[in-house]
Amino acid sequence: MKILVAIDSFKGSASSKELNLTCKEAIESVISKAKVITFSIADGGEGTIDALSEHIKSERVEIETIDLMGKKIKTYYLISERKAFIESAKVIGLDRIIPSVETVSKATTFGLGTLVKDAIDKECTEIYMSLGGSGTSDGGIGFLESMGFDKDSCQFNHQFIKKGISIIAIADVTNPYAGEQGYANVFGPQKGANRKQVEEMNSNSLAFSKRVNETIGVNLQSIPGTGAAGGLGGAITILGGKIQPGFETISSLIKLEESIKDADLVITGEGKLDGQSQGGKVPVAISQMAKKYGVPSIAICGSLEDDPKLEEIFLGTFSIQREFLSLEEALDNQKTKENVSSIIKSIMKVISVNGL
């Protein structure tokens, strides 16, 4: 029996890799002959590089740059066959700050340019940048400036992106650059912005978007995802890059579908399964992929909403919670892994007796 395990992270509790390993050990303790394949999963946010490094032969490149607050840091990115993979959150991640009105006004994407230029110097021709988990709201201006772009004239003082080099942004949101659904209004408050700052950022982003359209003919408002990472998606578009869906891109890079084809069962999941999970979330996308080949899928989660539509998507959905716990207890890493192990063992015992 081949069982493929691909669980998204339970945010604030356990990583995709930890959950997959816990599942694998639980399965093998019940069905010793099972062939268990694990895939760390990400949709363009934190953990993207971990997911890629498990299944792509790559070189880890250590590098110094500055984080979103301008502090010197050491970080890394991956190179594989002239492809570079950069996780933006490792440089400008929200987890590096305590969001406040002060951090909003200071946070910059400038440090990402160091990684991109280094990848270009190393003759990479495809540069993938995951945009999730950022703590910036600078409209990507810092990154543009680091790449030689002048925001006032909308011209390049120096062109680092040569012909034959492509930048691919990996994003899990489709928000436009500015306006009601733009980065300022939708994501600004999450990053510490007050009402006045949100209004100012939105006004500036609308003006910049208009200037870019009039000067270089790039309409940031018409391209889904330009508002990702506080406008970083728009900056990448200005550089001639394109924005691609997170899970779709990553699953293609790690060849997830090829492994699902001949599986007998797929186990997936995320922290919370509810009505919103149908909107392109990782577990649903994995289940739909499995259905193409007639492979049943089950999903585990921390919090499960009673929704009939979930029953249509998965063979079964299971919450790992076995008792009433405080939020702090429920998010505890060790407790989460214990609960995951327990529910998976129960499921495997049923399968071992009755088969799929």
Protein backbone atom coordinates (compact mmCIF):
# COMPACT_ATOMS: atom_id res chain seq x y z
CA MET A 1 0.00 0.00 0.00
CA LYS A 2 1.36 3.40 -1.03
CA ILE A 3 0.23 6.29 1.16
CA LEU A 4 1.19 9.84 0.23
CA VAL A 5 1.24 12.36 3.08
CA ALA A 6 1.18 16.07 2.23
CA ILE A 7 -0.09 18.18 5.11
CA ASP A 8 0.17 21.96 5.15
CA SER A 9 1.56 23.56 8.30
CA PHE A 10 -0.65 24.14 11.33
CA LYS A 11 0.30 27.80 11.72
CA GLY A 12 1.73 28.63 15.12
CA SER A 13 1.79 24.96 16.04
CA ALA A 14 3.70 22.59 13.74
CA SER A 15 5.43 22.73 10.38
CA SER A 16 4.46 20.73 7.32
CA LYS A 17 7.62 18.64 7.69
CA GLU A 18 6.92 17.87 11.36
CA LEU A 19 3.33 16.85 10.68
CA ASN A 20 4.27 14.65 7.74
CA LEU A 21 6.97 12.86 9.74
CA THR A 22 4.56 12.32 12.64
CA CYS A 23 2.01 10.83 10.23
CA LYS A 24 4.60 8.60 8.61
CA GLU A 25 5.71 7.18 11.95
CA ALA A 26 2.11 6.62 13.05
CA ILE A 27 1.18 4.85 9.80
CA GLU A 28 4.23 2.59 9.90
CA SER A 29 3.56 1.65 13.53
CA VAL A 30 0.21 0.18 12.45
CA ILE A 31 0.86 -0.94 8.86
CA SER A 32 4.54 -1.83 8.81
CA LYS A 33 4.58 -2.76 5.12
CA ALA A 34 3.05 0.53 3.96
CA LYS A 35 5.14 2.61 1.59
CA VAL A 36 4.80 6.14 2.96
CA ILE A 37 5.88 9.09 0.82
CA THR A 38 5.95 12.56 2.41
CA PHE A 39 5.80 15.94 0.73
CA SER A 40 6.35 19.13 2.70
CA ILE A 41 3.84 21.59 1.31
CA ALA A 42 3.68 25.36 0.96
CA ASP A 43 1.65 27.83 -1.06
CA GLY A 44 4.19 30.61 -1.34
CA GLY A 45 4.52 31.55 2.31
CA GLU A 46 6.77 30.40 5.12
CA GLY A 47 8.23 26.97 4.56
CA THR A 48 8.46 27.30 0.79
CA ILE A 49 12.21 26.68 0.67
CA ASP A 50 11.87 23.68 3.01
CA ALA A 51 9.23 22.17 0.73
CA LEU A 52 11.39 22.69 -2.34
CA SER A 53 14.67 21.51 -0.82
CA GLU A 54 13.19 18.11 0.08
CA HIS A 55 12.48 17.23 -3.54
CA ILE A 56 14.79 19.37 -5.65
CA LYS A 57 18.52 18.78 -5.73
CA SER A 58 19.87 22.21 -4.87
CA GLU A 59 22.72 24.23 -3.43
CA ARG A 60 22.14 26.40 -0.38
CA VAL A 61 23.63 29.87 -0.87
CA GLU A 62 24.45 31.76 2.34
CA ILE A 63 24.31 35.54 2.04
CA GLU A 64 24.28 38.75 4.10
CA THR A 65 21.66 41.44 3.54
CA ILE A 66 19.34 43.64 5.61
CA ASP A 67 15.92 42.70 6.93
CA LEU A 68 12.77 44.80 6.71
CA MET A 69 13.95 47.04 9.56
CA GLY A 70 17.34 47.64 7.94
CA LYS A 71 19.14 45.33 10.36
CA LYS A 72 22.04 43.26 8.98
CA ILE A 73 21.16 39.57 8.80
CA LYS A 74 22.50 36.31 7.43
CA THR A 75 20.06 34.31 5.35
CA TYR A 76 20.06 31.93 2.41
CA TYR A 77 18.38 30.94 -0.82
CA LEU A 78 18.58 27.90 -3.11
CA ILE A 79 20.04 27.37 -6.56
CA SER A 80 19.20 24.39 -8.74
CA GLU A 81 20.23 24.15 -12.41
CA ARG A 82 20.36 27.93 -12.95
CA LYS A 83 17.10 28.39 -11.07
CA ALA A 84 17.12 30.42 -7.86
CA PHE A 85 14.52 30.05 -5.12
CA ILE A 86 14.12 32.94 -2.69
CA GLU A 87 11.74 32.90 0.28
CA SER A 88 10.91 36.55 0.90
CA ALA A 89 9.78 35.88 4.46
CA LYS A 90 13.34 34.93 5.39
CA VAL A 91 14.32 38.55 4.74
CA ILE A 92 11.17 40.61 5.25
CA GLY A 93 9.04 38.22 7.31
CA LEU A 94 6.30 39.49 9.61
CA ASP A 95 7.73 37.20 12.30
CA ARG A 96 10.80 39.45 12.50
CA ILE A 97 8.83 42.32 14.03
CA ILE A 98 6.09 43.21 16.45
CA PRO A 99 3.73 45.04 14.05
CA SER A 100 3.13 48.67 14.97
CA VAL A 101 2.63 52.08 13.36
CA GLU A 102 6.39 52.55 13.66
CA THR A 103 7.31 49.32 11.86
CA VAL A 104 4.82 50.05 9.07
CA SER A 105 6.49 53.33 8.21
CA LYS A 106 10.01 51.87 8.37
CA ALA A 107 9.63 48.38 6.88
CA THR A 108 11.33 48.00 3.50
CA THR A 109 11.77 45.33 0.84
CA PHE A 110 15.21 46.70 -0.11
CA GLY A 111 17.15 43.72 1.29
CA LEU A 112 15.59 41.30 -1.20
CA GLY A 113 17.48 42.98 -4.02
CA THR A 114 20.76 41.68 -2.62
CA LEU A 115 19.60 38.09 -3.06
CA VAL A 116 18.22 38.64 -6.56
CA LYS A 117 21.37 40.39 -7.77
CA ASP A 118 23.52 37.65 -6.26
CA ALA A 119 21.48 35.02 -8.12
CA ILE A 120 21.95 36.98 -11.35
CA ASP A 121 25.70 37.18 -10.70
CA LYS A 122 25.66 33.39 -10.32
CA GLU A 123 24.12 33.17 -13.81
CA CYS A 124 20.65 32.07 -12.75
CA THR A 125 18.12 32.61 -15.52
CA GLU A 126 14.95 31.86 -13.53
CA ILE A 127 14.41 33.47 -10.15
CA TYR A 128 11.45 32.27 -8.09
CA MET A 129 10.37 34.49 -5.20
CA SER A 130 7.76 33.32 -2.70
CA LEU A 131 5.84 36.32 -1.36
CA GLY A 132 3.82 35.02 1.59
CA GLY A 133 4.41 35.99 5.21
CA SER A 134 5.84 39.44 4.60
CA GLY A 135 5.82 42.27 7.12
CA THR A 136 6.22 45.08 4.59
CA SER A 137 3.81 47.59 3.10
CA ASP A 138 6.18 49.73 1.03
CA GLY A 139 4.58 48.89 -2.31
CA GLY A 140 7.74 47.03 -3.27
CA ILE A 141 9.48 50.39 -3.69
CA GLY A 142 12.49 49.35 -1.61
CA PHE A 143 13.04 46.30 -3.79
CA LEU A 144 12.64 48.36 -6.97
CA GLU A 145 15.17 50.92 -5.74
CA SER A 146 17.65 48.17 -4.93
CA MET A 147 17.22 46.98 -8.52
CA GLY A 148 18.05 50.43 -9.92
CA PHE A 149 14.51 51.78 -10.40
CA ASP A 150 13.60 55.42 -9.72
CA LYS A 151 10.03 55.64 -8.41
CA ASP A 152 9.55 59.25 -9.44
CA SER A 153 10.64 59.00 -13.07
CA CYS A 154 9.68 55.30 -13.34
CA GLN A 155 12.95 54.68 -15.13
CA PHE A 156 15.92 52.43 -14.39
CA ASN A 157 19.21 54.05 -13.41
CA HIS A 158 20.76 50.62 -13.89
CA GLN A 159 19.16 47.57 -15.48
CA PHE A 160 20.06 44.43 -13.53
CA ILE A 161 17.45 42.22 -15.18
CA LYS A 162 19.07 41.36 -18.49
CA LYS A 163 17.41 39.70 -21.46
CA GLY A 164 16.90 36.01 -20.81
CA ILE A 165 16.38 36.41 -17.05
CA SER A 166 12.88 35.90 -15.68
CA ILE A 167 11.48 36.54 -12.22
CA ILE A 168 8.51 34.47 -11.08
CA ALA A 169 6.57 35.58 -8.02
CA ILE A 170 4.83 32.80 -6.11
CA ALA A 171 1.78 34.22 -4.36
CA ASP A 172 -1.31 32.86 -2.66
CA VAL A 173 -3.35 36.08 -2.97
CA THR A 174 -4.82 37.81 -6.02
CA ASN A 175 -5.28 41.34 -4.68
CA PRO A 176 -4.57 44.27 -6.99
CA TYR A 177 -1.91 46.84 -6.15
CA ALA A 178 -4.15 49.66 -4.89
CA GLY A 179 -7.74 50.58 -4.11
CA GLU A 180 -10.38 48.93 -1.93
CA GLN A 181 -8.83 45.46 -2.33
CA GLY A 182 -5.25 46.72 -2.62
CA TYR A 183 -2.37 45.96 -0.26
CA ALA A 184 -2.89 49.03 1.94
CA ASN A 185 -6.57 48.45 2.75
CA VAL A 186 -6.50 44.66 2.99
CA PHE A 187 -3.12 43.90 4.55
CA GLY A 188 -1.99 47.21 6.09
CA PRO A 189 -3.88 46.77 9.39
CA GLN A 190 -2.43 43.25 9.83
CA LYS A 191 1.03 44.78 9.66
CA GLY A 192 0.35 47.46 12.26
CA ALA A 193 -1.01 50.34 10.17
CA ASN A 194 -3.57 52.69 11.70
CA ARG A 195 -6.43 54.21 9.71
CA LYS A 196 -4.47 57.32 8.76
CA GLN A 197 -1.52 55.25 7.53
CA VAL A 198 -3.80 52.98 5.51
CA GLU A 199 -5.38 55.97 3.79
CA GLU A 200 -1.99 57.52 3.06
CA MET A 201 -0.56 54.24 1.73
CA ASN A 202 -3.58 53.71 -0.48
CA SER A 203 -3.36 57.24 -1.86
CA ASN A 204 0.34 56.79 -2.61
CA SER A 205 -0.18 53.37 -4.19
CA LEU A 206 -2.97 54.69 -6.43
CA ALA A 207 -0.76 57.58 -7.57
CA PHE A 208 2.24 55.31 -8.17
CA SER A 209 0.13 52.77 -10.03
CA LYS A 210 -1.21 55.51 -12.30
CA ARG A 211 2.29 56.89 -12.91
CA VAL A 212 3.65 53.45 -13.79
CA ASN A 213 0.80 52.83 -16.23
CA GLU A 214 1.25 56.18 -17.94
CA THR A 215 5.06 55.96 -18.07
CA ILE A 216 5.91 52.35 -18.88
CA GLY A 217 2.51 50.90 -19.75
CA VAL A 218 2.23 48.40 -16.89
CA ASN A 219 -1.29 48.35 -15.42
CA LEU A 220 -0.81 47.15 -11.85
CA GLN A 221 -4.54 47.28 -11.21
CA SER A 222 -5.40 44.72 -13.86
CA ILE A 223 -2.89 42.04 -12.84
CA PRO A 224 -3.98 39.68 -10.03
CA GLY A 225 -1.48 39.42 -7.19
CA THR A 226 0.29 42.76 -7.58
CA GLY A 227 -0.86 43.60 -4.06
CA ALA A 228 0.84 40.52 -2.60
CA ALA A 229 3.48 41.10 0.10
CA GLY A 230 2.55 44.75 0.53
CA GLY A 231 2.86 45.51 -3.18
CA LEU A 232 5.98 43.42 -3.82
CA GLY A 233 4.03 41.53 -6.47
CA GLY A 234 3.59 44.80 -8.32
CA ALA A 235 7.30 45.59 -8.10
CA ILE A 236 8.16 42.24 -9.65
CA THR A 237 5.67 42.92 -12.44
CA ILE A 238 7.37 46.26 -13.14
CA LEU A 239 10.65 44.36 -13.48
CA GLY A 240 9.04 42.25 -16.19
CA GLY A 241 8.27 39.33 -13.92
CA LYS A 242 5.08 37.32 -13.67
CA ILE A 243 2.93 36.18 -10.78
CA GLN A 244 1.92 32.53 -10.45
CA PRO A 245 -0.38 30.72 -7.97
CA GLY A 246 1.54 29.40 -4.99
CA PHE A 247 0.43 25.79 -4.61
CA GLU A 248 0.14 25.18 -8.34
CA THR A 249 3.69 26.38 -8.94
CA ILE A 250 5.30 24.59 -6.01
CA SER A 251 3.48 21.29 -6.60
CA SER A 252 4.68 21.40 -10.21
CA LEU A 253 8.28 22.07 -9.16
CA ILE A 254 8.32 19.17 -6.70
CA LYS A 255 6.36 16.88 -9.08
CA LEU A 256 3.67 16.14 -6.49
CA GLU A 257 1.07 14.99 -9.02
CA GLU A 258 3.41 12.34 -10.43
CA SER A 259 3.65 10.75 -6.99
CA ILE A 260 -0.10 10.95 -6.37
CA LYS A 261 -0.97 9.05 -9.58
CA ASP A 262 -0.21 5.59 -8.23
CA ALA A 263 -0.98 6.17 -4.54
CA ASP A 264 -3.62 4.12 -2.73
CA LEU A 265 -4.43 6.91 -0.27
CA VAL A 266 -3.58 10.57 0.19
CA ILE A 267 -3.50 12.18 3.63
CA THR A 268 -3.54 15.97 3.69
CA GLY A 269 -4.72 18.72 6.02
CA GLU A 270 -4.17 22.15 7.56
CA GLY A 271 -4.80 23.98 10.81
CA LYS A 272 -8.44 24.78 10.06
CA LEU A 273 -10.88 23.20 7.63
CA ASP A 274 -14.01 25.20 6.93
CA GLY A 275 -16.06 26.72 4.12
CA GLN A 276 -13.13 28.96 3.19
CA SER A 277 -10.96 25.90 2.59
CA GLN A 278 -12.72 25.46 -0.74
CA GLY A 279 -11.21 28.69 -2.08
CA GLY A 280 -7.97 27.24 -3.38
CA LYS A 281 -6.53 26.07 -0.07
CA VAL A 282 -3.81 23.40 -0.19
CA PRO A 283 -5.79 20.38 1.13
CA VAL A 284 -8.61 20.94 -1.36
CA ALA A 285 -6.17 21.36 -4.24
CA ILE A 286 -4.43 18.11 -3.26
CA SER A 287 -7.74 16.26 -2.98
CA GLN A 288 -8.81 17.48 -6.41
CA MET A 289 -5.47 16.35 -7.82
CA ALA A 290 -5.97 12.90 -6.28
CA LYS A 291 -9.53 12.62 -7.62
CA LYS A 292 -8.22 12.90 -11.18
CA TYR A 293 -6.62 9.49 -10.67
CA GLY A 294 -9.33 7.93 -8.54
CA VAL A 295 -7.21 8.15 -5.38
CA PRO A 296 -9.19 8.70 -2.15
CA SER A 297 -8.03 11.43 0.22
CA ILE A 298 -8.60 12.19 3.87
CA ALA A 299 -7.84 15.41 5.72
CA ILE A 300 -6.83 16.12 9.29
CA CYS A 301 -6.97 19.50 11.01
CA GLY A 302 -6.91 21.27 14.33
CA SER A 303 -10.29 22.94 13.91
CA LEU A 304 -13.07 21.37 11.82
CA GLU A 305 -16.23 23.17 10.75
CA ASP A 306 -19.35 21.13 10.00
CA ASP A 307 -19.70 21.78 6.28
CA PRO A 308 -21.40 19.30 3.89
CA LYS A 309 -19.22 20.51 1.03
CA LEU A 310 -16.11 19.18 2.78
CA GLU A 311 -17.69 15.71 2.68
CA GLU A 312 -17.87 15.98 -1.11
CA ILE A 313 -14.19 16.86 -1.34
CA PHE A 314 -12.67 14.31 1.05
CA LEU A 315 -13.36 10.67 1.85
CA GLY A 316 -13.20 11.76 5.47
CA THR A 317 -12.23 14.77 7.59
CA PHE A 318 -10.87 14.44 11.11
CA SER A 319 -10.08 16.92 13.86
CA ILE A 320 -7.07 15.99 15.96
CA GLN A 321 -8.58 17.56 19.10
CA ARG A 322 -9.65 14.95 21.65
CA GLU A 323 -10.52 17.19 24.59
CA PHE A 324 -11.32 20.77 25.51
CA LEU A 325 -8.08 22.76 25.58
CA SER A 326 -7.08 26.38 25.94
CA LEU A 327 -5.77 27.99 22.76
CA GLU A 328 -2.25 27.90 24.18
CA GLU A 329 -2.54 24.17 24.91
CA ALA A 330 -4.09 23.43 21.52
CA LEU A 331 -1.22 25.17 19.74
CA ASP A 332 1.50 23.42 21.73
CA ASN A 333 3.89 21.71 19.31
CA GLN A 334 4.29 18.48 21.24
CA LYS A 335 0.58 18.20 22.02
CA THR A 336 -0.26 18.75 18.36
CA LYS A 337 2.08 15.97 17.23
CA GLU A 338 0.71 13.61 19.89
CA ASN A 339 -2.85 14.27 18.75
CA VAL A 340 -1.92 13.84 15.08
CA SER A 341 -0.24 10.53 15.86
CA SER A 342 -3.26 9.31 17.80
CA ILE A 343 -5.86 10.10 15.12
CA ILE A 344 -3.70 8.67 12.31
CA LYS A 345 -3.16 5.43 14.23
CA SER A 346 -6.93 5.11 14.72
CA ILE A 347 -7.58 5.69 11.02
CA MET A 348 -4.89 3.19 10.00
CA LYS A 349 -6.32 0.51 12.31
CA VAL A 350 -9.68 0.82 10.54
CA ILE A 351 -7.97 0.68 7.15
CA SER A 352 -5.85 -2.34 8.10
CA VAL A 353 -8.99 -4.29 9.04
CA ASN A 354 -11.33 -3.18 6.26
CA GLY A 355 -8.98 -2.07 3.48
CA LEU A 356 -9.54 1.02 1.37
